[in-house]
Amino acid sequence: MAKKLGRPTEVDKNQIMKVARTLFAERGFSGASTRQIAEGVGCNVAMIGYYFGSKEGLLDTILDSYFKEAMHVYSSFAAVGEDLALEYPEFKDPEIRQFCKALCAFGNYAYANREIHQIMIRDAMSGGKLMLNALVKNANGVVPLIHNKLRHFIAQKKLAEDVDINIVGLTLISAVTCSCISNQVGTKIHGFEKIDEVFFRRLYVHHVRNLFSSYKNL
């Protein structure tokens, strides 16, 4: 009797994404097959096609989810409202405290999802365009949000008019990216005990203090 064709037995879509993230980070996009991903999940390989269309669609979904959540995490701490005077006594200005808090939240989120950065750097080094396409699709991620906040500070005369927001944005993002790609750079090379919330607070308080060093009511 012929076997009836139909939808494959369902599995947790998020579990497929979780296993794929790990394999893509360890072996690269081209080095991890859909069969290996399916075996790691314990499901039929057809489920990847059912949920994501293809391996490319799977990675696109993973990256899209990451960028959207990263922007949400940053934005949720970017607006003034919460009293952060005790958490960030280094700054008198509530907006500057909030800016530093948002950067720390982004850094912690990115590091907790550092597999994503490892996937993207592998793709970039191999000449792929998956990372670039994902960034373009998500309007360049957190970068425009940081740029807009810097423009706001310039308009409020809390930053000088000649501040190069592109250089500042690159500096603020690069520190996180570097830590995500290899925590050994931070621990073994630069001498930090570990990469954690304390590290990111120390990192961004330093950067924000330097950025606003000419602003009297820091």
Protein backbone atom coordinates (compact mmCIF):
# COMPACT_ATOMS: atom_id res chain seq x y z
CA MET A 1 0.00 0.00 0.00
CA ALA A 2 1.41 3.36 -1.01
CA LYS A 3 2.44 5.65 1.88
CA LYS A 4 0.30 8.77 2.07
CA LEU A 5 2.18 12.02 1.63
CA GLY A 6 1.45 14.89 3.92
CA ARG A 7 2.89 17.31 6.40
CA PRO A 8 5.80 15.82 8.36
CA THR A 9 5.41 15.29 12.09
CA GLU A 10 5.81 18.66 13.76
CA VAL A 11 8.72 19.55 16.03
CA ASP A 12 9.58 22.72 17.92
CA LYS A 13 10.55 25.36 15.36
CA ASN A 14 12.67 27.17 17.95
CA GLN A 15 14.60 23.99 18.66
CA ILE A 16 15.56 23.75 14.99
CA MET A 17 16.80 27.33 15.11
CA LYS A 18 18.75 26.68 18.32
CA VAL A 19 20.55 23.62 16.93
CA ALA A 20 21.20 25.37 13.60
CA ARG A 21 22.72 28.39 15.37
CA THR A 22 25.23 26.19 17.16
CA LEU A 23 26.17 24.22 14.06
CA PHE A 24 26.45 27.33 11.88
CA ALA A 25 28.71 28.95 14.49
CA GLU A 26 30.92 25.86 14.81
CA ARG A 27 31.11 24.78 11.16
CA GLY A 28 30.04 27.78 9.15
CA PHE A 29 26.94 28.05 7.00
CA SER A 30 28.31 25.91 4.18
CA GLY A 31 29.83 23.38 6.59
CA ALA A 32 26.58 22.54 8.39
CA SER A 33 24.10 20.50 6.37
CA THR A 34 20.35 20.34 6.83
CA ARG A 35 20.75 16.64 7.59
CA GLN A 36 23.15 17.40 10.44
CA ILE A 37 20.74 19.99 11.79
CA ALA A 38 17.84 17.56 11.60
CA GLU A 39 19.87 14.87 13.34
CA GLY A 40 20.75 17.32 16.12
CA VAL A 41 17.08 18.10 16.62
CA GLY A 42 15.94 14.51 16.18
CA CYS A 43 13.52 15.29 13.40
CA ASN A 44 12.98 14.60 9.71
CA VAL A 45 15.01 16.87 7.43
CA ALA A 46 11.74 17.74 5.68
CA MET A 47 10.78 19.84 8.71
CA ILE A 48 13.43 22.40 7.81
CA GLY A 49 11.89 22.84 4.39
CA TYR A 50 8.40 22.93 5.91
CA TYR A 51 9.21 25.72 8.37
CA PHE A 52 11.94 27.68 6.58
CA GLY A 53 11.87 26.71 2.91
CA SER A 54 15.62 26.05 2.75
CA LYS A 55 18.84 26.27 4.73
CA GLU A 56 19.19 29.86 3.54
CA GLY A 57 15.68 30.56 4.78
CA LEU A 58 16.57 29.02 8.15
CA LEU A 59 19.60 31.28 8.61
CA ASP A 60 17.65 34.30 7.40
CA THR A 61 15.01 33.62 10.05
CA ILE A 62 17.69 33.23 12.75
CA LEU A 63 19.42 36.50 11.83
CA ASP A 64 16.14 38.38 11.39
CA SER A 65 14.97 37.27 14.84
CA TYR A 66 18.26 38.32 16.42
CA PHE A 67 18.37 41.81 14.91
CA LYS A 68 14.75 42.56 15.74
CA GLU A 69 15.21 41.49 19.36
CA ALA A 70 18.51 43.42 19.66
CA MET A 71 16.76 46.59 18.50
CA HIS A 72 13.92 45.95 20.95
CA VAL A 73 16.36 45.45 23.84
CA TYR A 74 18.22 48.68 23.02
CA SER A 75 15.05 50.71 22.47
CA SER A 76 13.42 49.50 25.68
CA PHE A 77 16.19 51.17 27.70
CA ALA A 78 16.83 54.16 25.45
CA ALA A 79 13.92 56.38 26.52
CA VAL A 80 14.22 58.47 29.66
CA GLY A 81 11.83 57.36 32.37
CA GLU A 82 13.50 54.98 34.79
CA ASP A 83 15.53 56.56 37.60
CA LEU A 84 19.06 55.23 37.11
CA ALA A 85 20.85 57.59 39.50
CA LEU A 86 21.86 54.76 41.84
CA GLU A 87 22.83 52.39 39.03
CA TYR A 88 24.92 54.98 37.15
CA PRO A 89 26.14 57.55 39.70
CA GLU A 90 28.92 58.52 37.26
CA PHE A 91 26.42 60.65 35.32
CA LYS A 92 24.23 63.52 36.50
CA ASP A 93 22.24 63.82 33.28
CA PRO A 94 19.28 61.37 33.12
CA GLU A 95 19.51 61.07 29.33
CA ILE A 96 23.20 60.19 29.44
CA ARG A 97 22.49 57.57 32.13
CA GLN A 98 19.73 56.14 29.94
CA PHE A 99 22.03 56.07 26.91
CA CYS A 100 24.67 54.17 28.86
CA LYS A 101 22.03 51.75 30.17
CA ALA A 102 20.78 51.06 26.65
CA LEU A 103 24.30 50.35 25.41
CA CYS A 104 24.95 47.98 28.32
CA ALA A 105 21.67 46.15 27.67
CA PHE A 106 22.60 45.76 24.01
CA GLY A 107 26.08 44.51 24.89
CA ASN A 108 24.74 41.92 27.29
CA TYR A 109 22.13 40.73 24.80
CA ALA A 110 24.67 40.48 21.98
CA TYR A 111 27.10 38.52 24.13
CA ALA A 112 24.37 36.14 25.30
CA ASN A 113 23.76 35.48 21.58
CA ARG A 114 27.40 35.52 20.50
CA GLU A 115 26.87 32.50 18.25
CA ILE A 116 25.14 34.91 15.88
CA HIS A 117 28.26 37.08 15.61
CA GLN A 118 30.42 34.00 15.09
CA ILE A 119 28.13 32.96 12.23
CA MET A 120 28.27 36.42 10.68
CA ILE A 121 32.05 36.74 10.87
CA ARG A 122 32.47 33.30 9.27
CA ASP A 123 30.15 34.38 6.48
CA ALA A 124 31.94 37.70 6.00
CA MET A 125 35.39 36.09 5.90
CA SER A 126 34.26 33.59 3.28
CA GLY A 127 33.00 36.37 1.04
CA GLY A 128 29.34 35.66 1.71
CA LYS A 129 26.58 38.25 1.82
CA LEU A 130 24.25 36.70 4.38
CA MET A 131 25.34 39.07 7.15
CA LEU A 132 25.12 42.15 4.93
CA ASN A 133 21.72 41.13 3.60
CA ALA A 134 20.42 40.59 7.13
CA LEU A 135 21.69 44.00 8.24
CA VAL A 136 20.17 45.76 5.23
CA LYS A 137 16.88 43.93 5.72
CA ASN A 138 16.76 45.12 9.33
CA ALA A 139 17.72 48.72 8.53
CA ASN A 140 21.27 48.22 9.83
CA GLY A 141 20.19 47.03 13.26
CA VAL A 142 21.05 49.07 16.34
CA VAL A 143 23.47 51.40 14.52
CA PRO A 144 20.87 53.97 13.30
CA LEU A 145 19.33 54.05 16.79
CA ILE A 146 22.71 54.99 18.27
CA HIS A 147 23.31 57.56 15.51
CA ASN A 148 19.92 59.16 16.14
CA LYS A 149 20.63 59.44 19.86
CA LEU A 150 23.99 61.06 19.15
CA ARG A 151 22.30 63.57 16.81
CA HIS A 152 19.84 64.32 19.61
CA PHE A 153 22.69 65.02 22.04
CA ILE A 154 24.33 67.31 19.47
CA ALA A 155 21.05 69.20 18.99
CA GLN A 156 20.76 69.54 22.78
CA LYS A 157 24.35 70.90 22.84
CA LYS A 158 25.46 68.07 25.08
CA LEU A 159 27.89 67.03 22.37
CA ALA A 160 29.98 69.23 20.10
CA GLU A 161 28.69 69.79 16.57
CA ASP A 162 31.83 68.26 15.06
CA VAL A 163 31.41 64.88 16.79
CA ASP A 164 31.81 62.19 14.13
CA ILE A 165 28.81 60.00 14.81
CA ASN A 166 29.97 57.33 12.36
CA ILE A 167 33.27 56.88 14.19
CA VAL A 168 31.56 56.94 17.59
CA GLY A 169 28.97 54.40 16.46
CA LEU A 170 31.66 52.11 15.09
CA THR A 171 33.60 52.33 18.36
CA LEU A 172 30.57 51.51 20.49
CA ILE A 173 29.54 48.54 18.34
CA SER A 174 33.02 47.14 17.63
CA ALA A 175 33.80 46.54 21.29
CA VAL A 176 30.77 44.25 21.54
CA THR A 177 31.46 42.49 18.25
CA CYS A 178 35.07 41.80 19.21
CA SER A 179 34.00 40.32 22.56
CA CYS A 180 31.36 38.15 20.90
CA ILE A 181 33.71 36.75 18.27
CA SER A 182 36.25 35.62 20.86
CA ASN A 183 36.02 36.14 24.62
CA GLN A 184 39.69 35.11 24.77
CA VAL A 185 40.56 38.50 23.25
CA GLY A 186 39.08 40.18 26.31
CA THR A 187 40.27 37.70 28.93
CA LYS A 188 43.66 36.41 27.74
CA ILE A 189 44.83 39.39 25.67
CA HIS A 190 43.36 42.41 27.46
CA GLY A 191 43.35 40.93 30.94
CA PHE A 192 39.69 41.04 31.92
CA GLU A 193 38.61 38.33 34.34
CA LYS A 194 35.53 37.46 32.29
CA ILE A 195 33.04 38.92 29.85
CA ASP A 196 29.83 39.59 31.77
CA GLU A 197 27.49 42.38 32.87
CA VAL A 198 30.24 43.95 34.97
CA PHE A 199 32.51 44.03 31.94
CA PHE A 200 29.94 45.73 29.71
CA ARG A 201 29.10 48.28 32.40
CA ARG A 202 32.79 49.11 32.78
CA LEU A 203 33.20 49.26 29.00
CA TYR A 204 30.33 51.63 28.30
CA VAL A 205 30.76 53.87 31.32
CA HIS A 206 34.29 54.45 30.08
CA HIS A 207 33.20 55.18 26.50
CA VAL A 208 30.28 57.40 27.49
CA ARG A 209 32.37 59.38 30.00
CA ASN A 210 35.00 60.02 27.32
CA LEU A 211 32.36 60.93 24.77
CA PHE A 212 30.76 63.54 27.04
CA SER A 213 34.00 64.66 28.70
CA SER A 214 33.48 68.27 27.57
CA TYR A 215 29.90 68.34 28.87
CA LYS A 216 29.99 69.94 32.36
CA ASN A 217 26.85 68.25 33.73
CA LEU A 218 28.01 64.76 32.87
